[in-house]
Amino acid sequence: MSDTPISRGGRALALSLIVAAAAVSGACQRTPSPDAATDATDTAPIAVRAPFDAMLSVVNNSGAIRFDGTIGDDPTKARIEQSLLSAYGPGRATGDIVVDKAARPPKWIEGLAGFLKIFEPSVGAAVRFEGDRIVLSGQVALDQRRALRAAAESAFPGARLQGLFEIPAETPAAGTIAPEVLAKSLNQMPVKFDSGGGNVSVDSLDLVAQAADSIRAAPSGTRLLIVGPVVATADAGNDMFLSKQRAEALKVQLILNGVSPASIETRGWGQNPDGTQVEGATPPPEGAAMRFELVK
């Protein structure tokens, strides 16, 4: 039998089919299988987070208790919540505790329940636990600070007690420091404030306690004017307000450390004694430092 001849058109069609098949085959070989993609994902390095100290903050705001914290596991979270419930009763303390496995076990957990029961009546106070540091802040009378320090020393042996836990020395004899020397030394005191805010930084509370010791050693009748620090902005009125707010915050902390309220006046930068703004007054570009002046 003789072969059937293939027409020119038939040969062209057959060649096209062969080329198409080759292209499909190559595409299949280039496309990774789902398993291969999964394997690549599984072998990608996982970032390991650095451990950090567990933290708990408790604030008594006019009897309303607010807490927040970060803890490493659920059992520890449950213990903290039980300590808060035991100290404040149901429904009085509100807040949130986040569980993060990177948080180290808290060193303060064992003594927490007992300390919170003593801290409970401290209206206006705040306490923060973090690592081996326990910081007391807010508005706490001196005798109450002494009681809280004693409780903290008993509940948390070896902890670093900071902020208002630092108790000022006993009242020095009046007249042991000249008013002019007092003003000069106070103006060299690097008190810090919260960035953009009016509160004295927790890190500066020890320094404020030392300043209070010096003020109480001045002769009876010594009076001081505090002008709060500020950095210049486009809003001179707000600059004056923030300066005044910081001066008031420092005055409060000095009073808490035993200084007589009558011995301290406050004013904002660029503010007249009657509270109005000095016309055209603007802080220098580098900012205005806190200033103490003797009131004659």
Protein backbone atom coordinates (compact mmCIF):
# COMPACT_ATOMS: atom_id res chain seq x y z
CA MET A 1 0.00 0.00 0.00
CA SER A 2 1.38 3.36 -0.88
CA ASP A 3 1.66 6.17 1.83
CA THR A 4 -0.96 8.84 1.65
CA PRO A 5 0.73 12.13 0.87
CA ILE A 6 0.33 14.97 3.48
CA SER A 7 -0.69 18.25 2.05
CA ARG A 8 1.29 21.45 2.77
CA GLY A 9 -1.55 22.74 5.01
CA GLY A 10 -1.59 19.51 7.00
CA ARG A 11 2.14 19.67 7.68
CA ALA A 12 1.77 23.23 8.98
CA LEU A 13 -1.03 22.24 11.37
CA ALA A 14 0.96 19.34 12.77
CA LEU A 15 3.97 21.58 13.42
CA SER A 16 1.80 24.11 15.31
CA LEU A 17 0.42 21.38 17.59
CA ILE A 18 3.94 20.16 18.43
CA VAL A 19 5.12 23.70 19.36
CA ALA A 20 2.04 24.27 21.57
CA ALA A 21 2.56 20.99 23.38
CA ALA A 22 6.19 21.87 24.09
CA ALA A 23 5.20 25.23 25.51
CA VAL A 24 2.64 23.67 27.87
CA SER A 25 5.19 21.12 29.02
CA GLY A 26 7.76 23.84 29.81
CA ALA A 27 5.22 25.89 31.78
CA CYS A 28 4.32 22.88 33.88
CA GLN A 29 7.96 22.29 34.72
CA ARG A 30 8.48 25.93 35.76
CA THR A 31 5.43 26.13 38.10
CA PRO A 32 6.39 24.95 41.64
CA SER A 33 4.11 22.47 43.30
CA PRO A 34 2.02 23.59 46.28
CA ASP A 35 4.12 21.32 48.48
CA ALA A 36 7.31 23.03 47.34
CA ALA A 37 5.87 26.48 48.16
CA THR A 38 4.82 25.23 51.57
CA ASP A 39 8.28 23.81 52.22
CA ALA A 40 9.87 27.18 51.38
CA THR A 41 7.56 28.94 53.81
CA ASP A 42 8.22 26.41 56.55
CA THR A 43 11.95 26.91 56.30
CA ALA A 44 11.79 30.75 56.54
CA PRO A 45 13.52 32.02 59.73
CA ILE A 46 11.20 33.10 62.58
CA ALA A 47 12.22 36.25 64.46
CA VAL A 48 12.77 35.64 68.17
CA ARG A 49 11.58 38.51 70.38
CA ALA A 50 13.84 39.68 73.16
CA PRO A 51 12.44 39.03 76.65
CA PHE A 52 11.30 42.01 78.73
CA ASP A 53 10.16 42.61 82.31
CA ALA A 54 6.54 41.95 83.16
CA MET A 55 4.73 45.16 84.17
CA LEU A 56 1.73 46.18 86.24
CA SER A 57 0.42 49.70 86.92
CA VAL A 58 -2.31 50.50 89.45
CA VAL A 59 -3.80 54.00 89.80
CA ASN A 60 -6.25 55.20 92.45
CA ASN A 61 -8.08 58.11 90.82
CA SER A 62 -10.48 59.54 93.42
CA GLY A 63 -11.35 56.02 94.55
CA ALA A 64 -11.75 54.59 91.03
CA ILE A 65 -9.08 51.97 90.42
CA ARG A 66 -7.51 51.58 87.00
CA PHE A 67 -4.91 48.93 86.19
CA ASP A 68 -3.00 47.73 83.16
CA GLY A 69 -0.12 45.37 82.60
CA THR A 70 1.71 42.83 80.48
CA ILE A 71 2.36 39.34 81.86
CA GLY A 72 3.93 36.19 80.43
CA ASP A 73 1.20 33.60 81.06
CA ASP A 74 -2.45 33.10 81.97
CA PRO A 75 -1.89 31.63 85.49
CA THR A 76 0.08 34.74 86.52
CA LYS A 77 -2.63 36.95 85.05
CA ALA A 78 -5.22 35.09 87.12
CA ARG A 79 -3.16 35.61 90.30
CA ILE A 80 -2.92 39.35 89.67
CA GLU A 81 -6.65 39.62 89.00
CA GLN A 82 -7.35 37.73 92.23
CA SER A 83 -5.05 40.10 94.16
CA LEU A 84 -6.93 43.11 92.74
CA LEU A 85 -10.27 41.53 93.60
CA SER A 86 -9.12 40.79 97.15
CA ALA A 87 -7.92 44.38 97.67
CA TYR A 88 -10.73 46.32 95.97
CA GLY A 89 -13.74 44.01 95.79
CA PRO A 90 -15.83 43.11 92.74
CA GLY A 91 -16.37 45.71 90.04
CA ARG A 92 -14.25 48.48 91.54
CA ALA A 93 -10.98 47.89 89.67
CA THR A 94 -11.08 48.04 85.88
CA GLY A 95 -8.41 47.57 83.25
CA ASP A 96 -6.69 45.00 81.10
CA ILE A 97 -3.74 42.65 81.46
CA VAL A 98 -2.15 41.45 78.24
CA VAL A 99 -0.46 38.05 78.04
CA ASP A 100 2.82 38.09 76.10
CA LYS A 101 5.07 35.03 76.29
CA ALA A 102 8.16 37.22 75.92
CA ALA A 103 7.52 38.78 79.37
CA ARG A 104 9.76 37.51 82.14
CA PRO A 105 8.18 36.10 85.33
CA PRO A 106 7.42 39.03 87.68
CA LYS A 107 9.60 39.25 90.77
CA TRP A 108 6.86 41.09 92.67
CA ILE A 109 4.02 38.59 92.31
CA GLU A 110 4.43 36.94 95.73
CA GLY A 111 3.96 40.10 97.77
CA LEU A 112 1.42 41.81 95.51
CA ALA A 113 -1.82 40.82 97.27
CA GLY A 114 -0.67 41.99 100.70
CA PHE A 115 0.76 45.27 99.42
CA LEU A 116 -2.37 46.19 97.43
CA LYS A 117 -4.50 45.90 100.57
CA ILE A 118 -2.33 48.56 102.23
CA PHE A 119 -2.22 50.65 99.04
CA GLU A 120 -6.04 50.54 98.72
CA PRO A 121 -6.88 53.78 100.61
CA SER A 122 -4.20 55.82 98.80
CA VAL A 123 -6.46 58.15 96.80
CA GLY A 124 -4.52 60.04 94.14
CA ALA A 125 -1.58 57.61 94.19
CA ALA A 126 -0.17 55.38 91.47
CA VAL A 127 2.23 52.45 91.72
CA ARG A 128 4.11 50.72 88.92
CA PHE A 129 5.81 47.32 89.15
CA GLU A 130 8.43 46.46 86.53
CA GLY A 131 11.31 44.06 86.99
CA ASP A 132 12.92 44.84 90.36
CA ARG A 133 11.68 48.45 90.25
CA ILE A 134 8.59 49.64 92.12
CA VAL A 135 7.75 53.31 91.60
CA LEU A 136 5.26 55.33 93.66
CA SER A 137 3.89 58.55 92.16
CA GLY A 138 0.88 60.86 92.32
CA GLN A 139 -0.29 62.83 95.33
CA VAL A 140 0.55 61.03 98.55
CA ALA A 141 0.95 62.62 101.97
CA LEU A 142 4.30 62.16 103.69
CA ASP A 143 3.01 59.95 106.52
CA GLN A 144 1.23 57.74 104.00
CA ARG A 145 4.42 57.47 101.95
CA ARG A 146 6.25 56.22 105.00
CA ALA A 147 3.58 53.56 105.59
CA LEU A 148 3.65 52.47 101.94
CA ARG A 149 7.43 52.27 101.93
CA ALA A 150 7.41 50.07 105.02
CA ALA A 151 4.78 47.84 103.40
CA ALA A 152 6.79 47.64 100.16
CA GLU A 153 10.01 46.78 101.98
CA SER A 154 8.19 43.92 103.73
CA ALA A 155 6.35 42.65 100.65
CA PHE A 156 9.18 43.00 98.11
CA PRO A 157 12.58 42.37 99.74
CA GLY A 158 15.43 43.62 97.62
CA ALA A 159 13.25 45.66 95.26
CA ARG A 160 14.37 49.12 94.15
CA LEU A 161 11.82 51.51 95.64
CA GLN A 162 11.73 54.76 93.66
CA GLY A 163 9.71 57.92 93.18
CA LEU A 164 7.71 58.93 96.24
CA PHE A 165 9.00 55.87 98.08
CA GLU A 166 12.10 58.03 98.59
CA ILE A 167 11.36 59.68 101.93
CA PRO A 168 12.85 63.15 102.58
CA ALA A 169 15.13 63.64 105.54
CA GLU A 170 13.75 64.89 108.81
CA THR A 171 13.00 68.62 108.79
CA PRO A 172 16.35 70.41 109.01
CA ALA A 173 16.85 73.35 111.30
CA ALA A 174 15.52 76.52 109.71
CA GLY A 175 18.12 79.09 108.75
CA THR A 176 20.88 76.63 107.91
CA ILE A 177 20.91 77.76 104.25
CA ALA A 178 20.87 81.39 103.05
CA PRO A 179 17.96 82.30 100.71
CA GLU A 180 20.34 83.49 97.96
CA VAL A 181 22.28 80.23 98.12
CA LEU A 182 19.02 78.32 98.08
CA ALA A 183 17.77 80.05 94.92
CA LYS A 184 21.09 79.49 93.16
CA SER A 185 21.16 75.78 93.99
CA LEU A 186 17.53 75.27 92.95
CA ASN A 187 18.19 76.92 89.59
CA GLN A 188 20.88 74.31 88.95
CA MET A 189 18.47 71.45 89.62
CA PRO A 190 17.77 69.48 86.37
CA VAL A 191 14.15 68.54 87.05
CA LYS A 192 12.52 66.86 84.04
CA PHE A 193 8.88 66.88 82.97
CA ASP A 194 6.85 64.52 80.80
CA SER A 195 7.46 65.29 77.14
CA GLY A 196 4.81 67.75 75.96
CA GLY A 197 2.98 67.46 79.31
CA GLY A 198 2.80 69.21 82.64
CA ASN A 199 3.71 66.44 85.10
CA VAL A 200 7.07 66.06 86.82
CA SER A 201 8.87 63.02 85.42
CA VAL A 202 8.95 60.02 87.73
CA ASP A 203 12.73 59.97 87.31
CA SER A 204 12.95 63.43 88.90
CA LEU A 205 10.90 62.77 92.04
CA ASP A 206 14.01 61.93 94.09
CA LEU A 207 15.54 65.23 93.01
CA VAL A 208 12.40 67.13 94.03
CA ALA A 209 12.58 65.53 97.48
CA GLN A 210 16.14 66.85 97.85
CA ALA A 211 14.99 70.31 96.75
CA ALA A 212 12.28 70.22 99.39
CA ASP A 213 14.88 69.47 102.06
CA SER A 214 16.83 72.55 101.00
CA ILE A 215 13.74 74.79 100.97
CA ARG A 216 12.75 73.64 104.46
CA ALA A 217 16.26 74.54 105.67
CA ALA A 218 15.86 78.19 104.58
CA PRO A 219 15.01 80.87 107.14
CA SER A 220 11.39 81.14 108.21
CA GLY A 221 9.43 83.42 105.89
CA THR A 222 11.50 82.62 102.77
CA ARG A 223 9.24 82.64 99.73
CA LEU A 224 9.99 81.44 96.21
CA LEU A 225 8.50 82.03 92.78
CA ILE A 226 8.67 79.11 90.32
CA VAL A 227 8.48 79.84 86.59
CA GLY A 228 7.96 76.62 84.67
CA PRO A 229 10.18 75.57 81.75
CA VAL A 230 8.91 75.57 78.18
CA VAL A 231 10.07 75.19 74.57
CA ALA A 232 8.86 77.87 72.17
CA THR A 233 6.13 76.97 69.67
CA ALA A 234 3.96 79.00 67.30
CA ASP A 235 1.32 79.29 70.05
CA ALA A 236 2.65 81.68 72.71
CA GLY A 237 -0.54 81.37 74.76
CA ASN A 238 -0.20 77.61 74.98
CA ASP A 239 3.49 77.97 75.85
CA MET A 240 2.56 80.16 78.81
CA PHE A 241 -0.14 77.69 79.89
CA LEU A 242 2.24 74.71 79.78
CA SER A 243 4.91 76.65 81.67
CA LYS A 244 2.40 77.53 84.40
CA GLN A 245 1.14 73.92 84.52
CA ARG A 246 4.66 72.62 85.07
CA ALA A 247 5.35 75.17 87.79
CA GLU A 248 2.14 74.09 89.57
CA ALA A 249 3.07 70.40 89.23
CA LEU A 250 6.45 71.06 90.82
CA LYS A 251 4.82 73.03 93.62
CA VAL A 252 2.50 70.09 94.36
CA GLN A 253 5.45 67.69 94.60
CA LEU A 254 7.33 70.08 96.91
CA ILE A 255 4.27 70.32 99.18
CA LEU A 256 4.05 66.53 99.27
CA ASN A 257 7.63 66.59 100.51
CA GLY A 258 6.81 68.86 103.42
CA VAL A 259 7.23 72.39 101.97
CA SER A 260 4.67 74.94 103.16
CA PRO A 261 2.22 75.91 100.37
CA ALA A 262 2.46 79.54 101.49
CA SER A 263 6.18 79.63 100.65
CA ILE A 264 5.72 78.87 96.92
CA GLU A 265 4.21 81.00 94.15
CA THR A 266 3.98 79.94 90.51
CA ARG A 267 3.87 81.72 87.18
CA GLY A 268 4.03 80.79 83.51
CA TRP A 269 6.79 82.04 81.22
CA GLY A 270 5.80 85.45 79.87
CA GLN A 271 2.97 85.78 82.40
CA ASN A 272 2.24 88.87 84.47
CA PRO A 273 1.55 88.52 88.22
CA ASP A 274 -2.17 89.00 87.50
CA GLY A 275 -2.14 86.02 85.11
CA THR A 276 -2.27 87.99 81.85
CA GLN A 277 0.27 87.45 79.10
CA VAL A 278 3.15 89.87 78.71
CA GLU A 279 2.65 91.56 75.35
CA GLY A 280 5.07 90.24 72.72
CA ALA A 281 6.72 87.77 75.09
CA THR A 282 7.95 84.58 73.43
CA PRO A 283 10.35 81.99 74.86
CA PRO A 284 13.83 81.88 73.30
CA PRO A 285 14.25 79.37 70.43
CA GLU A 286 16.37 77.06 72.60
CA GLY A 287 13.65 77.03 75.24
CA ALA A 288 13.25 78.63 78.66
CA ALA A 289 14.60 76.72 81.65
CA MET A 290 12.77 76.40 84.94
CA ARG A 291 13.49 79.39 87.16
CA PHE A 292 13.34 79.98 90.92
CA GLU A 293 13.24 83.55 92.17
CA LEU A 294 13.18 84.91 95.71
CA VAL A 295 9.99 86.82 96.52
CA LYS A 296 10.90 89.95 98.42
